[in-house]
PDBML (XML) file of the C-alpha atoms, coordinates in Angstrom:
<?xml version="1.0" encoding="UTF-8" ?>
<PDBx:datablock datablockName="MODEL"
   xmlns:PDBx="http://pdbml.pdb.org/schema/pdbx-v50.xsd"
   xmlns:xsi="http://www.w3.org/2001/XMLSchema-instance"
   xsi:schemaLocation="http://pdbml.pdb.org/schema/pdbx-v50.xsd pdbx-v50.xsd">
   <PDBx:atom_siteCategory>
      <PDBx:atom_site id="1">
         <PDBx:B_iso_or_equiv>0.00</PDBx:B_iso_or_equiv>
         <PDBx:Cartn_x>-0.198</PDBx:Cartn_x>
         <PDBx:Cartn_y>0.076</PDBx:Cartn_y>
         <PDBx:Cartn_z>-0.057</PDBx:Cartn_z>
         <PDBx:auth_asym_id>A</PDBx:auth_asym_id>
         <PDBx:auth_atom_id>CA</PDBx:auth_atom_id>
         <PDBx:auth_comp_id>SER</PDBx:auth_comp_id>
         <PDBx:auth_seq_id>1</PDBx:auth_seq_id>
         <PDBx:group_PDB>ATOM</PDBx:group_PDB>
         <PDBx:label_alt_id xsi:nil="true" />
         <PDBx:label_asym_id>A</PDBx:label_asym_id>
         <PDBx:label_atom_id>CA</PDBx:label_atom_id>
         <PDBx:label_comp_id>SER</PDBx:label_comp_id>
         <PDBx:label_entity_id>1</PDBx:label_entity_id>
         <PDBx:label_seq_id>1</PDBx:label_seq_id>
         <PDBx:occupancy>1.00</PDBx:occupancy>
         <PDBx:pdbx_PDB_model_num>1</PDBx:pdbx_PDB_model_num>
         <PDBx:type_symbol>C</PDBx:type_symbol>
      </PDBx:atom_site>
      <PDBx:atom_site id="2">
         <PDBx:B_iso_or_equiv>0.00</PDBx:B_iso_or_equiv>
         <PDBx:Cartn_x>1.139</PDBx:Cartn_x>
         <PDBx:Cartn_y>3.681</PDBx:Cartn_y>
         <PDBx:Cartn_z>-0.197</PDBx:Cartn_z>
         <PDBx:auth_asym_id>A</PDBx:auth_asym_id>
         <PDBx:auth_atom_id>CA</PDBx:auth_atom_id>
         <PDBx:auth_comp_id>LEU</PDBx:auth_comp_id>
         <PDBx:auth_seq_id>2</PDBx:auth_seq_id>
         <PDBx:group_PDB>ATOM</PDBx:group_PDB>
         <PDBx:label_alt_id xsi:nil="true" />
         <PDBx:label_asym_id>A</PDBx:label_asym_id>
         <PDBx:label_atom_id>CA</PDBx:label_atom_id>
         <PDBx:label_comp_id>LEU</PDBx:label_comp_id>
         <PDBx:label_entity_id>1</PDBx:label_entity_id>
         <PDBx:label_seq_id>2</PDBx:label_seq_id>
         <PDBx:occupancy>1.00</PDBx:occupancy>
         <PDBx:pdbx_PDB_model_num>1</PDBx:pdbx_PDB_model_num>
         <PDBx:type_symbol>C</PDBx:type_symbol>
      </PDBx:atom_site>
      <PDBx:atom_site id="3">
         <PDBx:B_iso_or_equiv>0.00</PDBx:B_iso_or_equiv>
         <PDBx:Cartn_x>1.484</PDBx:Cartn_x>
         <PDBx:Cartn_y>4.046</PDBx:Cartn_y>
         <PDBx:Cartn_z>3.738</PDBx:Cartn_z>
         <PDBx:auth_asym_id>A</PDBx:auth_asym_id>
         <PDBx:auth_atom_id>CA</PDBx:auth_atom_id>
         <PDBx:auth_comp_id>GLY</PDBx:auth_comp_id>
         <PDBx:auth_seq_id>3</PDBx:auth_seq_id>
         <PDBx:group_PDB>ATOM</PDBx:group_PDB>
         <PDBx:label_alt_id xsi:nil="true" />
         <PDBx:label_asym_id>A</PDBx:label_asym_id>
         <PDBx:label_atom_id>CA</PDBx:label_atom_id>
         <PDBx:label_comp_id>GLY</PDBx:label_comp_id>
         <PDBx:label_entity_id>1</PDBx:label_entity_id>
         <PDBx:label_seq_id>3</PDBx:label_seq_id>
         <PDBx:occupancy>1.00</PDBx:occupancy>
         <PDBx:pdbx_PDB_model_num>1</PDBx:pdbx_PDB_model_num>
         <PDBx:type_symbol>C</PDBx:type_symbol>
      </PDBx:atom_site>
      <PDBx:atom_site id="4">
         <PDBx:B_iso_or_equiv>0.00</PDBx:B_iso_or_equiv>
         <PDBx:Cartn_x>5.152</PDBx:Cartn_x>
         <PDBx:Cartn_y>2.617</PDBx:Cartn_y>
         <PDBx:Cartn_z>3.775</PDBx:Cartn_z>
         <PDBx:auth_asym_id>A</PDBx:auth_asym_id>
         <PDBx:auth_atom_id>CA</PDBx:auth_atom_id>
         <PDBx:auth_comp_id>PRO</PDBx:auth_comp_id>
         <PDBx:auth_seq_id>4</PDBx:auth_seq_id>
         <PDBx:group_PDB>ATOM</PDBx:group_PDB>
         <PDBx:label_alt_id xsi:nil="true" />
         <PDBx:label_asym_id>A</PDBx:label_asym_id>
         <PDBx:label_atom_id>CA</PDBx:label_atom_id>
         <PDBx:label_comp_id>PRO</PDBx:label_comp_id>
         <PDBx:label_entity_id>1</PDBx:label_entity_id>
         <PDBx:label_seq_id>4</PDBx:label_seq_id>
         <PDBx:occupancy>1.00</PDBx:occupancy>
         <PDBx:pdbx_PDB_model_num>1</PDBx:pdbx_PDB_model_num>
         <PDBx:type_symbol>C</PDBx:type_symbol>
      </PDBx:atom_site>
      <PDBx:atom_site id="5">
         <PDBx:B_iso_or_equiv>0.00</PDBx:B_iso_or_equiv>
         <PDBx:Cartn_x>6.095</PDBx:Cartn_x>
         <PDBx:Cartn_y>4.232</PDBx:Cartn_y>
         <PDBx:Cartn_z>0.802</PDBx:Cartn_z>
         <PDBx:auth_asym_id>A</PDBx:auth_asym_id>
         <PDBx:auth_atom_id>CA</PDBx:auth_atom_id>
         <PDBx:auth_comp_id>VAL</PDBx:auth_comp_id>
         <PDBx:auth_seq_id>5</PDBx:auth_seq_id>
         <PDBx:group_PDB>ATOM</PDBx:group_PDB>
         <PDBx:label_alt_id xsi:nil="true" />
         <PDBx:label_asym_id>A</PDBx:label_asym_id>
         <PDBx:label_atom_id>CA</PDBx:label_atom_id>
         <PDBx:label_comp_id>VAL</PDBx:label_comp_id>
         <PDBx:label_entity_id>1</PDBx:label_entity_id>
         <PDBx:label_seq_id>5</PDBx:label_seq_id>
         <PDBx:occupancy>1.00</PDBx:occupancy>
         <PDBx:pdbx_PDB_model_num>1</PDBx:pdbx_PDB_model_num>
         <PDBx:type_symbol>C</PDBx:type_symbol>
      </PDBx:atom_site>
      <PDBx:atom_site id="6">
         <PDBx:B_iso_or_equiv>0.00</PDBx:B_iso_or_equiv>
         <PDBx:Cartn_x>5.145</PDBx:Cartn_x>
         <PDBx:Cartn_y>7.410</PDBx:Cartn_y>
         <PDBx:Cartn_z>2.532</PDBx:Cartn_z>
         <PDBx:auth_asym_id>A</PDBx:auth_asym_id>
         <PDBx:auth_atom_id>CA</PDBx:auth_atom_id>
         <PDBx:auth_comp_id>PHE</PDBx:auth_comp_id>
         <PDBx:auth_seq_id>6</PDBx:auth_seq_id>
         <PDBx:group_PDB>ATOM</PDBx:group_PDB>
         <PDBx:label_alt_id xsi:nil="true" />
         <PDBx:label_asym_id>A</PDBx:label_asym_id>
         <PDBx:label_atom_id>CA</PDBx:label_atom_id>
         <PDBx:label_comp_id>PHE</PDBx:label_comp_id>
         <PDBx:label_entity_id>1</PDBx:label_entity_id>
         <PDBx:label_seq_id>6</PDBx:label_seq_id>
         <PDBx:occupancy>1.00</PDBx:occupancy>
         <PDBx:pdbx_PDB_model_num>1</PDBx:pdbx_PDB_model_num>
         <PDBx:type_symbol>C</PDBx:type_symbol>
      </PDBx:atom_site>
      <PDBx:atom_site id="7">
         <PDBx:B_iso_or_equiv>0.00</PDBx:B_iso_or_equiv>
         <PDBx:Cartn_x>7.142</PDBx:Cartn_x>
         <PDBx:Cartn_y>6.322</PDBx:Cartn_y>
         <PDBx:Cartn_z>5.478</PDBx:Cartn_z>
         <PDBx:auth_asym_id>A</PDBx:auth_asym_id>
         <PDBx:auth_atom_id>CA</PDBx:auth_atom_id>
         <PDBx:auth_comp_id>ALA</PDBx:auth_comp_id>
         <PDBx:auth_seq_id>7</PDBx:auth_seq_id>
         <PDBx:group_PDB>ATOM</PDBx:group_PDB>
         <PDBx:label_alt_id xsi:nil="true" />
         <PDBx:label_asym_id>A</PDBx:label_asym_id>
         <PDBx:label_atom_id>CA</PDBx:label_atom_id>
         <PDBx:label_comp_id>ALA</PDBx:label_comp_id>
         <PDBx:label_entity_id>1</PDBx:label_entity_id>
         <PDBx:label_seq_id>7</PDBx:label_seq_id>
         <PDBx:occupancy>1.00</PDBx:occupancy>
         <PDBx:pdbx_PDB_model_num>1</PDBx:pdbx_PDB_model_num>
         <PDBx:type_symbol>C</PDBx:type_symbol>
      </PDBx:atom_site>
      <PDBx:atom_site id="8">
         <PDBx:B_iso_or_equiv>0.00</PDBx:B_iso_or_equiv>
         <PDBx:Cartn_x>10.253</PDBx:Cartn_x>
         <PDBx:Cartn_y>5.475</PDBx:Cartn_y>
         <PDBx:Cartn_z>2.971</PDBx:Cartn_z>
         <PDBx:auth_asym_id>A</PDBx:auth_asym_id>
         <PDBx:auth_atom_id>CA</PDBx:auth_atom_id>
         <PDBx:auth_comp_id>LYS</PDBx:auth_comp_id>
         <PDBx:auth_seq_id>8</PDBx:auth_seq_id>
         <PDBx:group_PDB>ATOM</PDBx:group_PDB>
         <PDBx:label_alt_id xsi:nil="true" />
         <PDBx:label_asym_id>A</PDBx:label_asym_id>
         <PDBx:label_atom_id>CA</PDBx:label_atom_id>
         <PDBx:label_comp_id>LYS</PDBx:label_comp_id>
         <PDBx:label_entity_id>1</PDBx:label_entity_id>
         <PDBx:label_seq_id>8</PDBx:label_seq_id>
         <PDBx:occupancy>1.00</PDBx:occupancy>
         <PDBx:pdbx_PDB_model_num>1</PDBx:pdbx_PDB_model_num>
         <PDBx:type_symbol>C</PDBx:type_symbol>
      </PDBx:atom_site>
      <PDBx:atom_site id="9">
         <PDBx:B_iso_or_equiv>0.00</PDBx:B_iso_or_equiv>
         <PDBx:Cartn_x>9.966</PDBx:Cartn_x>
         <PDBx:Cartn_y>9.103</PDBx:Cartn_y>
         <PDBx:Cartn_z>1.668</PDBx:Cartn_z>
         <PDBx:auth_asym_id>A</PDBx:auth_asym_id>
         <PDBx:auth_atom_id>CA</PDBx:auth_atom_id>
         <PDBx:auth_comp_id>MET</PDBx:auth_comp_id>
         <PDBx:auth_seq_id>9</PDBx:auth_seq_id>
         <PDBx:group_PDB>ATOM</PDBx:group_PDB>
         <PDBx:label_alt_id xsi:nil="true" />
         <PDBx:label_asym_id>A</PDBx:label_asym_id>
         <PDBx:label_atom_id>CA</PDBx:label_atom_id>
         <PDBx:label_comp_id>MET</PDBx:label_comp_id>
         <PDBx:label_entity_id>1</PDBx:label_entity_id>
         <PDBx:label_seq_id>9</PDBx:label_seq_id>
         <PDBx:occupancy>1.00</PDBx:occupancy>
         <PDBx:pdbx_PDB_model_num>1</PDBx:pdbx_PDB_model_num>
         <PDBx:type_symbol>C</PDBx:type_symbol>
      </PDBx:atom_site>
      <PDBx:atom_site id="10">
         <PDBx:B_iso_or_equiv>0.00</PDBx:B_iso_or_equiv>
         <PDBx:Cartn_x>9.942</PDBx:Cartn_x>
         <PDBx:Cartn_y>10.352</PDBx:Cartn_y>
         <PDBx:Cartn_z>4.906</PDBx:Cartn_z>
         <PDBx:auth_asym_id>A</PDBx:auth_asym_id>
         <PDBx:auth_atom_id>CA</PDBx:auth_atom_id>
         <PDBx:auth_comp_id>ARG</PDBx:auth_comp_id>
         <PDBx:auth_seq_id>10</PDBx:auth_seq_id>
         <PDBx:group_PDB>ATOM</PDBx:group_PDB>
         <PDBx:label_alt_id xsi:nil="true" />
         <PDBx:label_asym_id>A</PDBx:label_asym_id>
         <PDBx:label_atom_id>CA</PDBx:label_atom_id>
         <PDBx:label_comp_id>ARG</PDBx:label_comp_id>
         <PDBx:label_entity_id>1</PDBx:label_entity_id>
         <PDBx:label_seq_id>10</PDBx:label_seq_id>
         <PDBx:occupancy>1.00</PDBx:occupancy>
         <PDBx:pdbx_PDB_model_num>1</PDBx:pdbx_PDB_model_num>
         <PDBx:type_symbol>C</PDBx:type_symbol>
      </PDBx:atom_site>
      <PDBx:atom_site id="11">
         <PDBx:B_iso_or_equiv>0.00</PDBx:B_iso_or_equiv>
         <PDBx:Cartn_x>13.022</PDBx:Cartn_x>
         <PDBx:Cartn_y>8.450</PDBx:Cartn_y>
         <PDBx:Cartn_z>5.647</PDBx:Cartn_z>
         <PDBx:auth_asym_id>A</PDBx:auth_asym_id>
         <PDBx:auth_atom_id>CA</PDBx:auth_atom_id>
         <PDBx:auth_comp_id>GLU</PDBx:auth_comp_id>
         <PDBx:auth_seq_id>11</PDBx:auth_seq_id>
         <PDBx:group_PDB>ATOM</PDBx:group_PDB>
         <PDBx:label_alt_id xsi:nil="true" />
         <PDBx:label_asym_id>A</PDBx:label_asym_id>
         <PDBx:label_atom_id>CA</PDBx:label_atom_id>
         <PDBx:label_comp_id>GLU</PDBx:label_comp_id>
         <PDBx:label_entity_id>1</PDBx:label_entity_id>
         <PDBx:label_seq_id>11</PDBx:label_seq_id>
         <PDBx:occupancy>1.00</PDBx:occupancy>
         <PDBx:pdbx_PDB_model_num>1</PDBx:pdbx_PDB_model_num>
         <PDBx:type_symbol>C</PDBx:type_symbol>
      </PDBx:atom_site>
      <PDBx:atom_site id="12">
         <PDBx:B_iso_or_equiv>0.00</PDBx:B_iso_or_equiv>
         <PDBx:Cartn_x>14.863</PDBx:Cartn_x>
         <PDBx:Cartn_y>9.500</PDBx:Cartn_y>
         <PDBx:Cartn_z>2.726</PDBx:Cartn_z>
         <PDBx:auth_asym_id>A</PDBx:auth_asym_id>
         <PDBx:auth_atom_id>CA</PDBx:auth_atom_id>
         <PDBx:auth_comp_id>GLU</PDBx:auth_comp_id>
         <PDBx:auth_seq_id>12</PDBx:auth_seq_id>
         <PDBx:group_PDB>ATOM</PDBx:group_PDB>
         <PDBx:label_alt_id xsi:nil="true" />
         <PDBx:label_asym_id>A</PDBx:label_asym_id>
         <PDBx:label_atom_id>CA</PDBx:label_atom_id>
         <PDBx:label_comp_id>GLU</PDBx:label_comp_id>
         <PDBx:label_entity_id>1</PDBx:label_entity_id>
         <PDBx:label_seq_id>12</PDBx:label_seq_id>
         <PDBx:occupancy>1.00</PDBx:occupancy>
         <PDBx:pdbx_PDB_model_num>1</PDBx:pdbx_PDB_model_num>
         <PDBx:type_symbol>C</PDBx:type_symbol>
      </PDBx:atom_site>
      <PDBx:atom_site id="13">
         <PDBx:B_iso_or_equiv>0.00</PDBx:B_iso_or_equiv>
         <PDBx:Cartn_x>13.994</PDBx:Cartn_x>
         <PDBx:Cartn_y>13.179</PDBx:Cartn_y>
         <PDBx:Cartn_z>3.107</PDBx:Cartn_z>
         <PDBx:auth_asym_id>A</PDBx:auth_asym_id>
         <PDBx:auth_atom_id>CA</PDBx:auth_atom_id>
         <PDBx:auth_comp_id>LEU</PDBx:auth_comp_id>
         <PDBx:auth_seq_id>13</PDBx:auth_seq_id>
         <PDBx:group_PDB>ATOM</PDBx:group_PDB>
         <PDBx:label_alt_id xsi:nil="true" />
         <PDBx:label_asym_id>A</PDBx:label_asym_id>
         <PDBx:label_atom_id>CA</PDBx:label_atom_id>
         <PDBx:label_comp_id>LEU</PDBx:label_comp_id>
         <PDBx:label_entity_id>1</PDBx:label_entity_id>
         <PDBx:label_seq_id>13</PDBx:label_seq_id>
         <PDBx:occupancy>1.00</PDBx:occupancy>
         <PDBx:pdbx_PDB_model_num>1</PDBx:pdbx_PDB_model_num>
         <PDBx:type_symbol>C</PDBx:type_symbol>
      </PDBx:atom_site>
      <PDBx:atom_site id="14">
         <PDBx:B_iso_or_equiv>0.00</PDBx:B_iso_or_equiv>
         <PDBx:Cartn_x>15.251</PDBx:Cartn_x>
         <PDBx:Cartn_y>12.859</PDBx:Cartn_y>
         <PDBx:Cartn_z>6.763</PDBx:Cartn_z>
         <PDBx:auth_asym_id>A</PDBx:auth_asym_id>
         <PDBx:auth_atom_id>CA</PDBx:auth_atom_id>
         <PDBx:auth_comp_id>ALA</PDBx:auth_comp_id>
         <PDBx:auth_seq_id>14</PDBx:auth_seq_id>
         <PDBx:group_PDB>ATOM</PDBx:group_PDB>
         <PDBx:label_alt_id xsi:nil="true" />
         <PDBx:label_asym_id>A</PDBx:label_asym_id>
         <PDBx:label_atom_id>CA</PDBx:label_atom_id>
         <PDBx:label_comp_id>ALA</PDBx:label_comp_id>
         <PDBx:label_entity_id>1</PDBx:label_entity_id>
         <PDBx:label_seq_id>14</PDBx:label_seq_id>
         <PDBx:occupancy>1.00</PDBx:occupancy>
         <PDBx:pdbx_PDB_model_num>1</PDBx:pdbx_PDB_model_num>
         <PDBx:type_symbol>C</PDBx:type_symbol>
      </PDBx:atom_site>
      <PDBx:atom_site id="15">
         <PDBx:B_iso_or_equiv>0.00</PDBx:B_iso_or_equiv>
         <PDBx:Cartn_x>18.882</PDBx:Cartn_x>
         <PDBx:Cartn_y>11.125</PDBx:Cartn_y>
         <PDBx:Cartn_z>5.333</PDBx:Cartn_z>
         <PDBx:auth_asym_id>A</PDBx:auth_asym_id>
         <PDBx:auth_atom_id>CA</PDBx:auth_atom_id>
         <PDBx:auth_comp_id>GLU</PDBx:auth_comp_id>
         <PDBx:auth_seq_id>15</PDBx:auth_seq_id>
         <PDBx:group_PDB>ATOM</PDBx:group_PDB>
         <PDBx:label_alt_id xsi:nil="true" />
         <PDBx:label_asym_id>A</PDBx:label_asym_id>
         <PDBx:label_atom_id>CA</PDBx:label_atom_id>
         <PDBx:label_comp_id>GLU</PDBx:label_comp_id>
         <PDBx:label_entity_id>1</PDBx:label_entity_id>
         <PDBx:label_seq_id>15</PDBx:label_seq_id>
         <PDBx:occupancy>1.00</PDBx:occupancy>
         <PDBx:pdbx_PDB_model_num>1</PDBx:pdbx_PDB_model_num>
         <PDBx:type_symbol>C</PDBx:type_symbol>
      </PDBx:atom_site>
      <PDBx:atom_site id="16">
         <PDBx:B_iso_or_equiv>0.00</PDBx:B_iso_or_equiv>
         <PDBx:Cartn_x>18.918</PDBx:Cartn_x>
         <PDBx:Cartn_y>14.372</PDBx:Cartn_y>
         <PDBx:Cartn_z>2.790</PDBx:Cartn_z>
         <PDBx:auth_asym_id>A</PDBx:auth_asym_id>
         <PDBx:auth_atom_id>CA</PDBx:auth_atom_id>
         <PDBx:auth_comp_id>LEU</PDBx:auth_comp_id>
         <PDBx:auth_seq_id>16</PDBx:auth_seq_id>
         <PDBx:group_PDB>ATOM</PDBx:group_PDB>
         <PDBx:label_alt_id xsi:nil="true" />
         <PDBx:label_asym_id>A</PDBx:label_asym_id>
         <PDBx:label_atom_id>CA</PDBx:label_atom_id>
         <PDBx:label_comp_id>LEU</PDBx:label_comp_id>
         <PDBx:label_entity_id>1</PDBx:label_entity_id>
         <PDBx:label_seq_id>16</PDBx:label_seq_id>
         <PDBx:occupancy>1.00</PDBx:occupancy>
         <PDBx:pdbx_PDB_model_num>1</PDBx:pdbx_PDB_model_num>
         <PDBx:type_symbol>C</PDBx:type_symbol>
      </PDBx:atom_site>
      <PDBx:atom_site id="17">
         <PDBx:B_iso_or_equiv>0.00</PDBx:B_iso_or_equiv>
         <PDBx:Cartn_x>18.308</PDBx:Cartn_x>
         <PDBx:Cartn_y>16.821</PDBx:Cartn_y>
         <PDBx:Cartn_z>5.628</PDBx:Cartn_z>
         <PDBx:auth_asym_id>A</PDBx:auth_asym_id>
         <PDBx:auth_atom_id>CA</PDBx:auth_atom_id>
         <PDBx:auth_comp_id>GLU</PDBx:auth_comp_id>
         <PDBx:auth_seq_id>17</PDBx:auth_seq_id>
         <PDBx:group_PDB>ATOM</PDBx:group_PDB>
         <PDBx:label_alt_id xsi:nil="true" />
         <PDBx:label_asym_id>A</PDBx:label_asym_id>
         <PDBx:label_atom_id>CA</PDBx:label_atom_id>
         <PDBx:label_comp_id>GLU</PDBx:label_comp_id>
         <PDBx:label_entity_id>1</PDBx:label_entity_id>
         <PDBx:label_seq_id>17</PDBx:label_seq_id>
         <PDBx:occupancy>1.00</PDBx:occupancy>
         <PDBx:pdbx_PDB_model_num>1</PDBx:pdbx_PDB_model_num>
         <PDBx:type_symbol>C</PDBx:type_symbol>
      </PDBx:atom_site>
      <PDBx:atom_site id="18">
         <PDBx:B_iso_or_equiv>0.00</PDBx:B_iso_or_equiv>
         <PDBx:Cartn_x>20.945</PDBx:Cartn_x>
         <PDBx:Cartn_y>15.263</PDBx:Cartn_y>
         <PDBx:Cartn_z>8.095</PDBx:Cartn_z>
         <PDBx:auth_asym_id>A</PDBx:auth_asym_id>
         <PDBx:auth_atom_id>CA</PDBx:auth_atom_id>
         <PDBx:auth_comp_id>GLU</PDBx:auth_comp_id>
         <PDBx:auth_seq_id>18</PDBx:auth_seq_id>
         <PDBx:group_PDB>ATOM</PDBx:group_PDB>
         <PDBx:label_alt_id xsi:nil="true" />
         <PDBx:label_asym_id>A</PDBx:label_asym_id>
         <PDBx:label_atom_id>CA</PDBx:label_atom_id>
         <PDBx:label_comp_id>GLU</PDBx:label_comp_id>
         <PDBx:label_entity_id>1</PDBx:label_entity_id>
         <PDBx:label_seq_id>18</PDBx:label_seq_id>
         <PDBx:occupancy>1.00</PDBx:occupancy>
         <PDBx:pdbx_PDB_model_num>1</PDBx:pdbx_PDB_model_num>
         <PDBx:type_symbol>C</PDBx:type_symbol>
      </PDBx:atom_site>
      <PDBx:atom_site id="19">
         <PDBx:B_iso_or_equiv>0.00</PDBx:B_iso_or_equiv>
         <PDBx:Cartn_x>23.354</PDBx:Cartn_x>
         <PDBx:Cartn_y>15.538</PDBx:Cartn_y>
         <PDBx:Cartn_z>5.375</PDBx:Cartn_z>
         <PDBx:auth_asym_id>A</PDBx:auth_asym_id>
         <PDBx:auth_atom_id>CA</PDBx:auth_atom_id>
         <PDBx:auth_comp_id>ILE</PDBx:auth_comp_id>
         <PDBx:auth_seq_id>19</PDBx:auth_seq_id>
         <PDBx:group_PDB>ATOM</PDBx:group_PDB>
         <PDBx:label_alt_id xsi:nil="true" />
         <PDBx:label_asym_id>A</PDBx:label_asym_id>
         <PDBx:label_atom_id>CA</PDBx:label_atom_id>
         <PDBx:label_comp_id>ILE</PDBx:label_comp_id>
         <PDBx:label_entity_id>1</PDBx:label_entity_id>
         <PDBx:label_seq_id>19</PDBx:label_seq_id>
         <PDBx:occupancy>1.00</PDBx:occupancy>
         <PDBx:pdbx_PDB_model_num>1</PDBx:pdbx_PDB_model_num>
         <PDBx:type_symbol>C</PDBx:type_symbol>
      </PDBx:atom_site>
      <PDBx:atom_site id="20">
         <PDBx:B_iso_or_equiv>0.00</PDBx:B_iso_or_equiv>
         <PDBx:Cartn_x>22.782</PDBx:Cartn_x>
         <PDBx:Cartn_y>18.608</PDBx:Cartn_y>
         <PDBx:Cartn_z>3.448</PDBx:Cartn_z>
         <PDBx:auth_asym_id>A</PDBx:auth_asym_id>
         <PDBx:auth_atom_id>CA</PDBx:auth_atom_id>
         <PDBx:auth_comp_id>ALA</PDBx:auth_comp_id>
         <PDBx:auth_seq_id>20</PDBx:auth_seq_id>
         <PDBx:group_PDB>ATOM</PDBx:group_PDB>
         <PDBx:label_alt_id xsi:nil="true" />
         <PDBx:label_asym_id>A</PDBx:label_asym_id>
         <PDBx:label_atom_id>CA</PDBx:label_atom_id>
         <PDBx:label_comp_id>ALA</PDBx:label_comp_id>
         <PDBx:label_entity_id>1</PDBx:label_entity_id>
         <PDBx:label_seq_id>20</PDBx:label_seq_id>
         <PDBx:occupancy>1.00</PDBx:occupancy>
         <PDBx:pdbx_PDB_model_num>1</PDBx:pdbx_PDB_model_num>
         <PDBx:type_symbol>C</PDBx:type_symbol>
      </PDBx:atom_site>
      <PDBx:atom_site id="21">
         <PDBx:B_iso_or_equiv>0.00</PDBx:B_iso_or_equiv>
         <PDBx:Cartn_x>21.743</PDBx:Cartn_x>
         <PDBx:Cartn_y>20.949</PDBx:Cartn_y>
         <PDBx:Cartn_z>6.806</PDBx:Cartn_z>
         <PDBx:auth_asym_id>A</PDBx:auth_asym_id>
         <PDBx:auth_atom_id>CA</PDBx:auth_atom_id>
         <PDBx:auth_comp_id>THR</PDBx:auth_comp_id>
         <PDBx:auth_seq_id>21</PDBx:auth_seq_id>
         <PDBx:group_PDB>ATOM</PDBx:group_PDB>
         <PDBx:label_alt_id xsi:nil="true" />
         <PDBx:label_asym_id>A</PDBx:label_asym_id>
         <PDBx:label_atom_id>CA</PDBx:label_atom_id>
         <PDBx:label_comp_id>THR</PDBx:label_comp_id>
         <PDBx:label_entity_id>1</PDBx:label_entity_id>
         <PDBx:label_seq_id>21</PDBx:label_seq_id>
         <PDBx:occupancy>1.00</PDBx:occupancy>
         <PDBx:pdbx_PDB_model_num>1</PDBx:pdbx_PDB_model_num>
         <PDBx:type_symbol>C</PDBx:type_symbol>
      </PDBx:atom_site>
      <PDBx:atom_site id="22">
         <PDBx:B_iso_or_equiv>0.00</PDBx:B_iso_or_equiv>
         <PDBx:Cartn_x>24.233</PDBx:Cartn_x>
         <PDBx:Cartn_y>22.936</PDBx:Cartn_y>
         <PDBx:Cartn_z>7.976</PDBx:Cartn_z>
         <PDBx:auth_asym_id>A</PDBx:auth_asym_id>
         <PDBx:auth_atom_id>CA</PDBx:auth_atom_id>
         <PDBx:auth_comp_id>PRO</PDBx:auth_comp_id>
         <PDBx:auth_seq_id>22</PDBx:auth_seq_id>
         <PDBx:group_PDB>ATOM</PDBx:group_PDB>
         <PDBx:label_alt_id xsi:nil="true" />
         <PDBx:label_asym_id>A</PDBx:label_asym_id>
         <PDBx:label_atom_id>CA</PDBx:label_atom_id>
         <PDBx:label_comp_id>PRO</PDBx:label_comp_id>
         <PDBx:label_entity_id>1</PDBx:label_entity_id>
         <PDBx:label_seq_id>22</PDBx:label_seq_id>
         <PDBx:occupancy>1.00</PDBx:occupancy>
         <PDBx:pdbx_PDB_model_num>1</PDBx:pdbx_PDB_model_num>
         <PDBx:type_symbol>C</PDBx:type_symbol>
      </PDBx:atom_site>
      <PDBx:atom_site id="23">
         <PDBx:B_iso_or_equiv>0.00</PDBx:B_iso_or_equiv>
         <PDBx:Cartn_x>25.243</PDBx:Cartn_x>
         <PDBx:Cartn_y>21.899</PDBx:Cartn_y>
         <PDBx:Cartn_z>11.507</PDBx:Cartn_z>
         <PDBx:auth_asym_id>A</PDBx:auth_asym_id>
         <PDBx:auth_atom_id>CA</PDBx:auth_atom_id>
         <PDBx:auth_comp_id>ALA</PDBx:auth_comp_id>
         <PDBx:auth_seq_id>23</PDBx:auth_seq_id>
         <PDBx:group_PDB>ATOM</PDBx:group_PDB>
         <PDBx:label_alt_id xsi:nil="true" />
         <PDBx:label_asym_id>A</PDBx:label_asym_id>
         <PDBx:label_atom_id>CA</PDBx:label_atom_id>
         <PDBx:label_comp_id>ALA</PDBx:label_comp_id>
         <PDBx:label_entity_id>1</PDBx:label_entity_id>
         <PDBx:label_seq_id>23</PDBx:label_seq_id>
         <PDBx:occupancy>1.00</PDBx:occupancy>
         <PDBx:pdbx_PDB_model_num>1</PDBx:pdbx_PDB_model_num>
         <PDBx:type_symbol>C</PDBx:type_symbol>
      </PDBx:atom_site>
      <PDBx:atom_site id="24">
         <PDBx:B_iso_or_equiv>0.00</PDBx:B_iso_or_equiv>
         <PDBx:Cartn_x>26.864</PDBx:Cartn_x>
         <PDBx:Cartn_y>25.069</PDBx:Cartn_y>
         <PDBx:Cartn_z>12.197</PDBx:Cartn_z>
         <PDBx:auth_asym_id>A</PDBx:auth_asym_id>
         <PDBx:auth_atom_id>CA</PDBx:auth_atom_id>
         <PDBx:auth_comp_id>ASP</PDBx:auth_comp_id>
         <PDBx:auth_seq_id>24</PDBx:auth_seq_id>
         <PDBx:group_PDB>ATOM</PDBx:group_PDB>
         <PDBx:label_alt_id xsi:nil="true" />
         <PDBx:label_asym_id>A</PDBx:label_asym_id>
         <PDBx:label_atom_id>CA</PDBx:label_atom_id>
         <PDBx:label_comp_id>ASP</PDBx:label_comp_id>
         <PDBx:label_entity_id>1</PDBx:label_entity_id>
         <PDBx:label_seq_id>24</PDBx:label_seq_id>
         <PDBx:occupancy>1.00</PDBx:occupancy>
         <PDBx:pdbx_PDB_model_num>1</PDBx:pdbx_PDB_model_num>
         <PDBx:type_symbol>C</PDBx:type_symbol>
      </PDBx:atom_site>
   </PDBx:atom_siteCategory>
</PDBx:datablock>
């Protein structure tokens, strides 16, 4: 179903944010 796909999308977005967001 679509629910787990949205969960995966949130996971991938979080990974991108973690790498791309400045820590400073």
